Amino acid sequence: MYGACTNWAEEYFSRLRRTEPGHHHHIAGAYLLRYAQEASWREDHRRVSNGEQVHTIAALAMHKKARPDFVGYWQRHKAA
């Protein structure tokens, strides 16, 4: 396959596995997709300065509506 490399996949999954004890402390199965998306974003932007990352995230957050799957997340329950 052109453009595919198993080393890149192994590197991504290695970083994803290391985020559990390092960043998240526990990865809940219901939110596994979100954790994987965050790890992918971190992988794609790892060479961008921290200030630029914060600016990018803040700008994106200002243009998005609340996600229905995260409503009630901090209260440990989903919205009705």
N, C-alpha and C. Protein backbone atom coordinates (compact mmCIF):
# COMPACT_ATOMS: atom_id res chain seq x y z
N MET A 1 0.83 -1.18 0.00
CA MET A 1 0.00 0.00 0.00
C MET A 1 0.86 1.24 0.00
N TYR A 2 0.53 2.16 -0.84
CA TYR A 2 1.28 3.41 -0.90
C TYR A 2 0.83 4.34 0.24
N GLY A 3 1.77 4.92 0.97
CA GLY A 3 1.45 5.90 2.01
C GLY A 3 1.10 5.29 3.35
N ALA A 4 1.04 3.99 3.46
CA ALA A 4 0.71 3.35 4.73
C ALA A 4 1.99 2.81 5.37
N CYS A 5 2.06 2.94 6.67
CA CYS A 5 3.23 2.45 7.38
C CYS A 5 2.79 1.93 8.74
N THR A 6 3.12 0.70 9.06
CA THR A 6 2.71 0.14 10.35
C THR A 6 3.42 0.83 11.51
N ASN A 7 4.57 1.42 11.26
CA ASN A 7 5.25 2.13 12.33
C ASN A 7 4.42 3.30 12.83
N TRP A 8 3.74 4.00 11.92
CA TRP A 8 2.90 5.13 12.32
C TRP A 8 1.73 4.64 13.18
N ALA A 9 1.12 3.54 12.79
CA ALA A 9 0.01 2.99 13.56
C ALA A 9 0.50 2.54 14.94
N GLU A 10 1.63 1.88 14.98
CA GLU A 10 2.17 1.44 16.27
C GLU A 10 2.52 2.63 17.16
N GLU A 11 3.06 3.69 16.56
CA GLU A 11 3.38 4.89 17.34
C GLU A 11 2.12 5.52 17.92
N TYR A 12 1.07 5.62 17.10
CA TYR A 12 -0.20 6.20 17.56
C TYR A 12 -0.78 5.39 18.72
N PHE A 13 -0.85 4.07 18.57
CA PHE A 13 -1.44 3.25 19.63
C PHE A 13 -0.57 3.25 20.88
N SER A 14 0.74 3.35 20.71
CA SER A 14 1.63 3.46 21.86
C SER A 14 1.34 4.74 22.64
N ARG A 15 1.19 5.84 21.92
CA ARG A 15 0.86 7.11 22.59
C ARG A 15 -0.52 7.05 23.24
N LEU A 16 -1.49 6.42 22.57
CA LEU A 16 -2.83 6.28 23.13
C LEU A 16 -2.80 5.48 24.43
N ARG A 17 -2.05 4.38 24.45
CA ARG A 17 -1.95 3.57 25.67
C ARG A 17 -1.28 4.33 26.80
N ARG A 18 -0.29 5.17 26.46
CA ARG A 18 0.42 5.92 27.51
C ARG A 18 -0.40 7.07 28.08
N THR A 19 -1.45 7.50 27.38
CA THR A 19 -2.26 8.59 27.91
C THR A 19 -3.12 8.16 29.09
N GLU A 20 -3.46 6.88 29.18
CA GLU A 20 -4.33 6.46 30.28
C GLU A 20 -3.68 6.70 31.63
N PRO A 21 -2.49 6.19 31.90
CA PRO A 21 -1.90 6.49 33.21
C PRO A 21 -1.37 7.93 33.31
N GLY A 22 -1.06 8.56 32.18
CA GLY A 22 -0.46 9.88 32.21
C GLY A 22 -1.45 11.03 32.26
N HIS A 23 -2.45 11.03 31.38
CA HIS A 23 -3.38 12.15 31.28
C HIS A 23 -4.74 11.84 31.90
N HIS A 24 -5.30 10.69 31.59
CA HIS A 24 -6.70 10.43 31.89
C HIS A 24 -6.93 9.61 33.15
N HIS A 25 -6.01 8.77 33.52
CA HIS A 25 -6.08 7.90 34.70
C HIS A 25 -7.11 6.79 34.58
N HIS A 26 -8.08 6.93 33.71
CA HIS A 26 -9.04 5.87 33.44
C HIS A 26 -9.73 6.19 32.11
N ILE A 27 -9.85 5.21 31.27
CA ILE A 27 -10.53 5.40 29.99
C ILE A 27 -11.82 4.59 30.03
N ALA A 28 -12.94 5.31 30.04
CA ALA A 28 -14.25 4.66 30.07
C ALA A 28 -14.61 4.22 28.66
N GLY A 29 -15.16 3.04 28.53
CA GLY A 29 -15.49 2.49 27.23
C GLY A 29 -16.47 3.33 26.44
N ALA A 30 -17.41 3.98 27.13
CA ALA A 30 -18.40 4.80 26.44
C ALA A 30 -17.77 5.99 25.73
N TYR A 31 -16.61 6.42 26.21
CA TYR A 31 -15.96 7.61 25.65
C TYR A 31 -14.66 7.26 24.92
N LEU A 32 -14.47 5.99 24.59
CA LEU A 32 -13.23 5.56 23.94
C LEU A 32 -12.99 6.30 22.62
N LEU A 33 -14.04 6.52 21.85
CA LEU A 33 -13.89 7.26 20.59
C LEU A 33 -13.34 8.66 20.85
N ARG A 34 -13.84 9.33 21.88
CA ARG A 34 -13.37 10.69 22.20
C ARG A 34 -11.90 10.67 22.62
N TYR A 35 -11.52 9.69 23.41
CA TYR A 35 -10.11 9.58 23.82
C TYR A 35 -9.22 9.34 22.60
N ALA A 36 -9.68 8.50 21.69
CA ALA A 36 -8.90 8.23 20.48
C ALA A 36 -8.81 9.47 19.60
N GLN A 37 -9.90 10.24 19.51
CA GLN A 37 -9.87 11.47 18.73
C GLN A 37 -8.91 12.49 19.35
N GLU A 38 -8.92 12.59 20.67
CA GLU A 38 -7.99 13.51 21.33
C GLU A 38 -6.55 13.08 21.09
N ALA A 39 -6.28 11.79 21.22
CA ALA A 39 -4.93 11.29 20.98
C ALA A 39 -4.50 11.56 19.54
N SER A 40 -5.42 11.42 18.62
CA SER A 40 -5.11 11.71 17.22
C SER A 40 -4.80 13.19 17.03
N TRP A 41 -5.58 14.06 17.67
CA TRP A 41 -5.32 15.50 17.57
C TRP A 41 -3.95 15.85 18.17
N ARG A 42 -3.66 15.25 19.33
CA ARG A 42 -2.36 15.49 19.96
C ARG A 42 -1.23 15.02 19.04
N GLU A 43 -1.41 13.89 18.41
CA GLU A 43 -0.40 13.34 17.51
C GLU A 43 -0.19 14.28 16.32
N ASP A 44 -1.28 14.78 15.76
CA ASP A 44 -1.19 15.65 14.60
C ASP A 44 -0.59 17.02 14.92
N HIS A 45 -0.75 17.48 16.16
CA HIS A 45 -0.32 18.83 16.54
C HIS A 45 0.83 18.82 17.55
N ARG A 46 1.55 17.74 17.66
CA ARG A 46 2.59 17.64 18.68
C ARG A 46 3.77 18.57 18.45
N ARG A 47 3.94 19.04 17.23
CA ARG A 47 5.06 19.95 16.93
C ARG A 47 4.63 21.41 16.90
N VAL A 48 3.37 21.68 17.23
CA VAL A 48 2.84 23.04 17.28
C VAL A 48 3.04 23.55 18.71
N SER A 49 3.37 24.82 18.87
CA SER A 49 3.61 25.37 20.21
C SER A 49 2.35 25.28 21.07
N ASN A 50 2.53 25.22 22.38
CA ASN A 50 1.39 25.12 23.30
C ASN A 50 0.45 26.31 23.15
N GLY A 51 1.01 27.51 23.02
CA GLY A 51 0.17 28.69 22.87
C GLY A 51 -0.70 28.63 21.63
N GLU A 52 -0.14 28.18 20.54
CA GLU A 52 -0.91 28.05 19.30
C GLU A 52 -1.97 26.97 19.43
N GLN A 53 -1.67 25.88 20.14
CA GLN A 53 -2.67 24.83 20.37
C GLN A 53 -3.85 25.38 21.17
N VAL A 54 -3.56 26.14 22.23
CA VAL A 54 -4.63 26.72 23.05
C VAL A 54 -5.47 27.68 22.22
N HIS A 55 -4.83 28.51 21.43
CA HIS A 55 -5.55 29.44 20.58
C HIS A 55 -6.45 28.71 19.60
N THR A 56 -5.95 27.65 19.00
CA THR A 56 -6.74 26.87 18.05
C THR A 56 -7.94 26.22 18.72
N ILE A 57 -7.73 25.62 19.88
CA ILE A 57 -8.83 24.96 20.61
C ILE A 57 -9.88 25.96 21.04
N ALA A 58 -9.44 27.11 21.57
CA ALA A 58 -10.39 28.14 22.00
C ALA A 58 -11.21 28.65 20.82
N ALA A 59 -10.56 28.89 19.69
CA ALA A 59 -11.27 29.36 18.51
C ALA A 59 -12.29 28.33 18.03
N LEU A 60 -11.91 27.06 18.02
CA LEU A 60 -12.84 26.01 17.60
C LEU A 60 -14.01 25.88 18.58
N ALA A 61 -13.72 25.99 19.88
CA ALA A 61 -14.76 25.84 20.90
C ALA A 61 -15.80 26.96 20.81
N MET A 62 -15.39 28.15 20.40
CA MET A 62 -16.32 29.27 20.31
C MET A 62 -17.31 29.11 19.16
N HIS A 63 -17.01 28.28 18.20
CA HIS A 63 -17.87 28.11 17.03
C HIS A 63 -18.71 26.84 17.09
N LYS A 64 -18.60 26.07 18.15
CA LYS A 64 -19.33 24.81 18.24
C LYS A 64 -20.43 24.89 19.29
N LYS A 65 -21.48 24.14 19.08
CA LYS A 65 -22.56 24.03 20.06
C LYS A 65 -22.23 22.89 21.03
N ALA A 66 -22.94 22.83 22.13
CA ALA A 66 -22.74 21.77 23.12
C ALA A 66 -23.07 20.42 22.50
N ARG A 67 -22.23 19.44 22.74
CA ARG A 67 -22.46 18.10 22.22
C ARG A 67 -23.46 17.37 23.11
N PRO A 68 -24.50 16.76 22.55
CA PRO A 68 -25.50 16.09 23.39
C PRO A 68 -24.93 14.91 24.18
N ASP A 69 -23.86 14.28 23.68
CA ASP A 69 -23.31 13.14 24.43
C ASP A 69 -22.46 13.59 25.62
N PHE A 70 -22.15 14.89 25.72
CA PHE A 70 -21.41 15.37 26.88
C PHE A 70 -22.28 16.14 27.87
N VAL A 71 -23.55 16.36 27.56
CA VAL A 71 -24.43 17.02 28.50
C VAL A 71 -24.63 16.09 29.69
N GLY A 72 -24.32 16.56 30.88
CA GLY A 72 -24.42 15.74 32.08
C GLY A 72 -23.18 14.92 32.37
N TYR A 73 -22.11 15.09 31.58
CA TYR A 73 -20.90 14.30 31.77
C TYR A 73 -20.31 14.49 33.15
N TRP A 74 -20.21 15.73 33.61
CA TRP A 74 -19.57 16.00 34.90
C TRP A 74 -20.42 15.50 36.07
N GLN A 75 -21.73 15.33 35.84
CA GLN A 75 -22.61 14.81 36.89
C GLN A 75 -22.71 13.28 36.84
N ARG A 76 -21.93 12.66 35.95
CA ARG A 76 -21.89 11.21 35.79
C ARG A 76 -23.20 10.60 35.31
N HIS A 77 -23.97 11.38 34.57
CA HIS A 77 -25.19 10.82 33.98
C HIS A 77 -25.45 11.54 32.67
N LYS A 78 -26.19 10.89 31.82
CA LYS A 78 -26.56 11.48 30.55
C LYS A 78 -27.83 12.32 30.74
N ALA A 79 -28.01 13.29 29.87
CA ALA A 79 -29.23 14.11 29.91
C ALA A 79 -30.42 13.25 29.51
N ALA A 80 -31.57 13.59 30.04
CA ALA A 80 -32.77 12.81 29.75
C ALA A 80 -33.26 13.04 28.34
